[in-house]
N, C-alpha and C. Protein backbone atom coordinates (compact mmCIF):
# COMPACT_ATOMS: atom_id res chain seq x y z
N MET A 1 0.71 -1.00 -0.17
CA MET A 1 0.36 0.04 -0.03
C MET A 1 0.78 1.00 0.26
N GLN A 2 0.63 2.06 -0.58
CA GLN A 2 1.20 3.41 -0.83
C GLN A 2 0.83 4.39 -0.52
N CYS A 3 1.36 5.48 0.33
CA CYS A 3 1.09 6.48 1.23
C CYS A 3 1.37 7.75 0.45
N GLY A 4 0.97 8.68 0.21
CA GLY A 4 1.23 9.79 -0.49
C GLY A 4 0.07 10.99 -0.68
N ILE A 5 0.55 12.06 -1.02
CA ILE A 5 -0.22 13.07 -0.92
C ILE A 5 -1.43 13.29 -2.42
N ILE A 6 -2.26 13.51 -2.13
CA ILE A 6 -3.00 13.30 -3.48
C ILE A 6 -3.35 14.56 -3.87
N LEU A 7 -2.58 15.37 -4.71
CA LEU A 7 -2.99 16.76 -5.64
C LEU A 7 -3.88 16.84 -6.49
N SER A 8 -4.80 17.54 -6.14
CA SER A 8 -6.02 17.47 -7.25
C SER A 8 -5.52 18.81 -8.19
N MET A 9 -6.18 18.52 -9.43
CA MET A 9 -5.93 19.02 -10.33
C MET A 9 -7.18 20.57 -10.78
N SER A 10 -6.77 21.53 -10.47
CA SER A 10 -8.23 22.28 -10.62
C SER A 10 -8.42 22.85 -11.93
N SER A 11 -9.68 22.58 -12.25
CA SER A 11 -9.87 23.21 -13.47
C SER A 11 -9.79 24.59 -13.85
N LYS A 12 -10.08 25.43 -15.39
CA LYS A 12 -9.70 26.42 -15.52
C LYS A 12 -10.77 27.14 -14.74
N ARG A 13 -12.15 26.51 -14.80
CA ARG A 13 -13.21 27.52 -14.19
C ARG A 13 -13.01 27.56 -12.72
N ALA A 14 -12.29 26.34 -11.80
CA ALA A 14 -12.61 26.62 -10.54
C ALA A 14 -11.30 27.52 -10.33
N ILE A 15 -9.97 27.77 -10.90
CA ILE A 15 -8.87 28.97 -11.11
C ILE A 15 -9.60 30.21 -11.14
N LYS A 16 -10.55 30.32 -12.29
CA LYS A 16 -11.11 31.40 -12.17
C LYS A 16 -11.69 32.01 -11.04
N ARG A 17 -12.94 31.26 -10.79
CA ARG A 17 -13.45 31.43 -9.53
C ARG A 17 -12.60 31.59 -8.47
N ARG A 18 -11.51 31.69 -8.09
CA ARG A 18 -10.60 31.60 -6.76
C ARG A 18 -10.26 32.69 -7.34
N ALA A 19 -9.82 33.27 -8.31
CA ALA A 19 -8.75 34.72 -8.64
C ALA A 19 -10.02 35.65 -9.11
N CYS A 20 -11.15 35.26 -9.00
CA CYS A 20 -11.79 36.63 -9.28
C CYS A 20 -13.38 36.66 -8.51
N SER A 21 -13.63 35.69 -7.76
CA SER A 21 -14.85 35.40 -7.02
C SER A 21 -15.11 36.49 -6.01
N ASN A 22 -13.96 37.10 -5.45
CA ASN A 22 -14.20 37.71 -4.15
C ASN A 22 -13.80 39.24 -4.49
N LYS A 23 -13.54 39.44 -5.89
CA LYS A 23 -12.85 40.97 -6.18
C LYS A 23 -13.91 41.82 -6.88
N LYS A 24 -13.50 43.03 -6.81
CA LYS A 24 -14.30 43.50 -7.50
C LYS A 24 -13.62 43.80 -8.48
N LYS A 25 -14.69 43.84 -9.76
CA LYS A 25 -13.70 44.12 -11.31
C LYS A 25 -13.95 45.34 -11.75
N TYR A 26 -13.20 46.11 -12.14
CA TYR A 26 -12.61 47.80 -12.91
C TYR A 26 -12.54 47.61 -13.86
N ASN A 27 -12.48 49.11 -14.52
CA ASN A 27 -12.00 49.07 -16.25
C ASN A 27 -10.91 49.96 -15.68
N GLU A 28 -10.23 49.91 -16.77
CA GLU A 28 -8.44 50.33 -16.02
C GLU A 28 -8.43 51.74 -15.24
N GLU A 29 -9.07 52.39 -15.98
CA GLU A 29 -9.38 54.22 -15.31
C GLU A 29 -9.87 53.83 -13.66
N GLU A 30 -10.78 53.41 -13.85
CA GLU A 30 -11.57 52.75 -12.30
C GLU A 30 -10.19 52.28 -11.41
N ALA A 31 -10.04 51.31 -11.94
CA ALA A 31 -8.56 50.46 -11.13
C ALA A 31 -7.77 51.74 -10.60
N LYS A 32 -7.02 52.22 -11.35
CA LYS A 32 -6.07 53.31 -10.82
C LYS A 32 -6.49 54.19 -10.12
N ARG A 33 -7.62 54.74 -9.78
CA ARG A 33 -8.34 55.72 -9.29
C ARG A 33 -8.47 54.74 -7.85
N ALA A 34 -9.07 53.64 -7.97
CA ALA A 34 -9.27 52.92 -6.34
C ALA A 34 -8.17 52.16 -6.09
N ALA A 35 -6.77 52.33 -6.67
CA ALA A 35 -5.65 51.84 -5.82
C ALA A 35 -5.24 52.75 -5.41
N TYR A 36 -5.13 54.19 -6.00
CA TYR A 36 -4.58 55.35 -5.66
C TYR A 36 -5.47 55.58 -4.10
N HIS A 37 -6.67 55.76 -4.44
CA HIS A 37 -7.43 55.89 -2.95
C HIS A 37 -6.89 55.12 -1.68
N ALA A 38 -6.79 53.55 -2.34
CA ALA A 38 -6.84 52.70 -1.19
C ALA A 38 -4.93 53.15 -0.40
N ARG A 39 -4.02 53.21 -1.51
CA ARG A 39 -2.88 53.58 -0.99
C ARG A 39 -2.59 54.55 -0.08
N ARG A 40 -3.64 55.52 -0.39
CA ARG A 40 -3.52 56.85 0.57
C ARG A 40 -4.48 56.61 1.63
N LYS A 41 -5.47 55.78 1.93
CA LYS A 41 -6.01 55.51 3.13
C LYS A 41 -5.53 54.54 4.20
N THR A 42 -4.90 53.76 3.43
CA THR A 42 -4.45 52.65 4.24
C THR A 42 -2.51 52.49 4.43
N GLY A 43 -1.80 53.26 3.48
CA GLY A 43 -0.06 53.45 3.49
C GLY A 43 0.11 52.28 3.10
N ASP A 44 -0.36 51.06 2.43
CA ASP A 44 0.00 49.99 1.54
C ASP A 44 0.33 50.01 0.23
N TRP A 45 0.82 48.67 -0.23
CA TRP A 45 1.38 49.00 -1.57
C TRP A 45 0.02 48.23 -2.35
N ILE A 46 -0.76 49.00 -2.66
CA ILE A 46 -1.89 48.46 -3.39
C ILE A 46 -1.63 48.89 -5.08
N LEU A 47 -1.65 48.08 -5.84
CA LEU A 47 -1.44 48.17 -7.26
C LEU A 47 -2.65 47.88 -8.10
N PRO A 48 -2.92 48.49 -9.03
CA PRO A 48 -3.99 47.93 -10.14
C PRO A 48 -3.37 46.62 -10.83
N TYR A 49 -3.92 45.73 -11.61
CA TYR A 49 -3.52 44.77 -12.53
C TYR A 49 -4.77 44.38 -13.09
N GLY A 50 -4.55 44.03 -14.34
CA GLY A 50 -5.52 43.22 -15.16
C GLY A 50 -5.35 42.00 -15.37
N CYS A 51 -6.54 41.47 -15.05
CA CYS A 51 -7.42 39.75 -15.00
C CYS A 51 -6.99 39.07 -16.14
N LYS A 52 -6.35 38.06 -16.02
CA LYS A 52 -6.15 37.17 -17.30
C LYS A 52 -7.30 36.15 -17.74
N PHE A 53 -8.33 36.34 -16.12
CA PHE A 53 -9.55 35.74 -16.66
C PHE A 53 -10.73 36.30 -17.16
N CYS A 54 -10.67 37.23 -16.38
CA CYS A 54 -11.99 38.17 -16.53
C CYS A 54 -11.71 39.55 -17.50
N LYS A 55 -10.58 39.31 -17.67
CA LYS A 55 -10.06 40.65 -18.59
C LYS A 55 -10.36 41.85 -18.42
N GLY A 56 -11.05 41.71 -16.80
CA GLY A 56 -11.02 43.22 -16.01
C GLY A 56 -9.93 43.84 -15.12
N TRP A 57 -10.20 44.59 -14.44
CA TRP A 57 -9.05 44.89 -13.59
C TRP A 57 -9.35 45.10 -12.23
N HIS A 58 -8.39 44.57 -11.34
CA HIS A 58 -8.61 44.49 -10.24
C HIS A 58 -7.55 45.43 -8.86
N ILE A 59 -7.55 45.12 -8.19
CA ILE A 59 -6.51 46.30 -7.16
C ILE A 59 -5.81 45.15 -6.21
N GLY A 60 -4.60 45.40 -6.00
CA GLY A 60 -4.49 44.69 -4.90
C GLY A 60 -2.99 44.47 -4.41
N HIS A 61 -2.16 43.81 -3.22
CA HIS A 61 -1.10 43.92 -3.36
C HIS A 61 -0.49 43.16 -3.70
N PRO A 62 1.05 43.55 -4.38
CA PRO A 62 1.97 43.15 -5.70
C PRO A 62 2.74 42.12 -4.90
N PRO A 63 3.40 41.42 -5.82
CA PRO A 63 3.99 40.22 -5.15
C PRO A 63 5.85 40.79 -4.51
N ARG A 64 5.94 40.23 -3.77
CA ARG A 64 7.31 40.92 -3.32
C ARG A 64 8.76 41.42 -4.46
N LYS A 65 8.63 40.26 -5.57
CA LYS A 65 9.50 40.74 -6.63
C LYS A 65 8.98 42.27 -7.42
N VAL A 66 7.81 42.22 -7.69
CA VAL A 66 7.50 43.24 -8.21
C VAL A 66 7.43 44.47 -7.22
N ARG A 67 7.41 44.67 -6.01
CA ARG A 67 7.82 45.30 -5.03
C ARG A 67 9.21 45.73 -5.36
N GLN A 68 9.98 45.02 -5.53
CA GLN A 68 11.80 45.18 -5.17
C GLN A 68 11.72 45.87 -6.71
N ALA A 69 11.12 44.98 -7.55
CA ALA A 69 11.27 45.86 -8.65
C ALA A 69 11.57 47.42 -9.23
N ILE A 70 9.95 47.89 -8.58
CA ILE A 70 9.89 49.17 -8.58
C ILE A 70 10.87 50.03 -7.48
N ILE A 71 10.85 49.64 -6.35
CA ILE A 71 11.94 50.17 -5.58
C ILE A 71 13.42 50.20 -6.25
N ALA A 72 13.86 49.78 -7.01
CA ALA A 72 15.09 49.18 -7.70
C ALA A 72 15.13 50.33 -8.58
N LYS A 73 14.04 50.45 -9.13
CA LYS A 73 13.45 51.53 -10.66
C LYS A 73 13.81 52.66 -9.90
N GLN A 74 13.06 53.25 -8.81
CA GLN A 74 12.91 54.63 -8.25
C GLN A 74 14.21 55.02 -8.05
N LYS A 75 15.03 53.87 -7.39
CA LYS A 75 16.60 54.30 -6.98
C LYS A 75 17.20 54.45 -8.15
N ARG A 76 17.16 53.99 -9.22
CA ARG A 76 17.79 54.37 -10.21
C ARG A 76 17.32 55.92 -10.79
N ARG A 77 16.04 56.14 -10.82
CA ARG A 77 15.57 57.06 -11.46
C ARG A 77 16.21 57.99 -10.45
N ASN A 78 16.41 58.25 -8.98
CA ASN A 78 16.76 59.31 -8.01
C ASN A 78 18.33 59.73 -8.38
N LEU A 79 19.27 58.50 -8.65
CA LEU A 79 20.06 58.32 -8.90
C LEU A 79 20.36 59.51 -10.04
N HIS A 80 20.21 59.32 -11.00
CA HIS A 80 20.26 60.02 -12.54
C HIS A 80 19.32 61.01 -12.69
N GLY A 81 18.59 61.70 -11.32
CA GLY A 81 18.13 62.82 -11.26
C GLY A 81 17.33 63.18 -12.42
């Protein structure tokens, strides 16, 4: 008898449901405005992003790699004035 972890393969529909189900859908301009206001209100990193599932826009916290890339770009820009 073999013991192991059973990993379920999610359907595209299930992935979409998890990715978009509890998020507000915006158009691009609305997402930019909502992210701006959320950043000002909370002080958190909140950015708009295009959703590959619903083709709309959502706002949320960016992954660490994205934050690091933004910080590096800002530092380069400040060095070169």
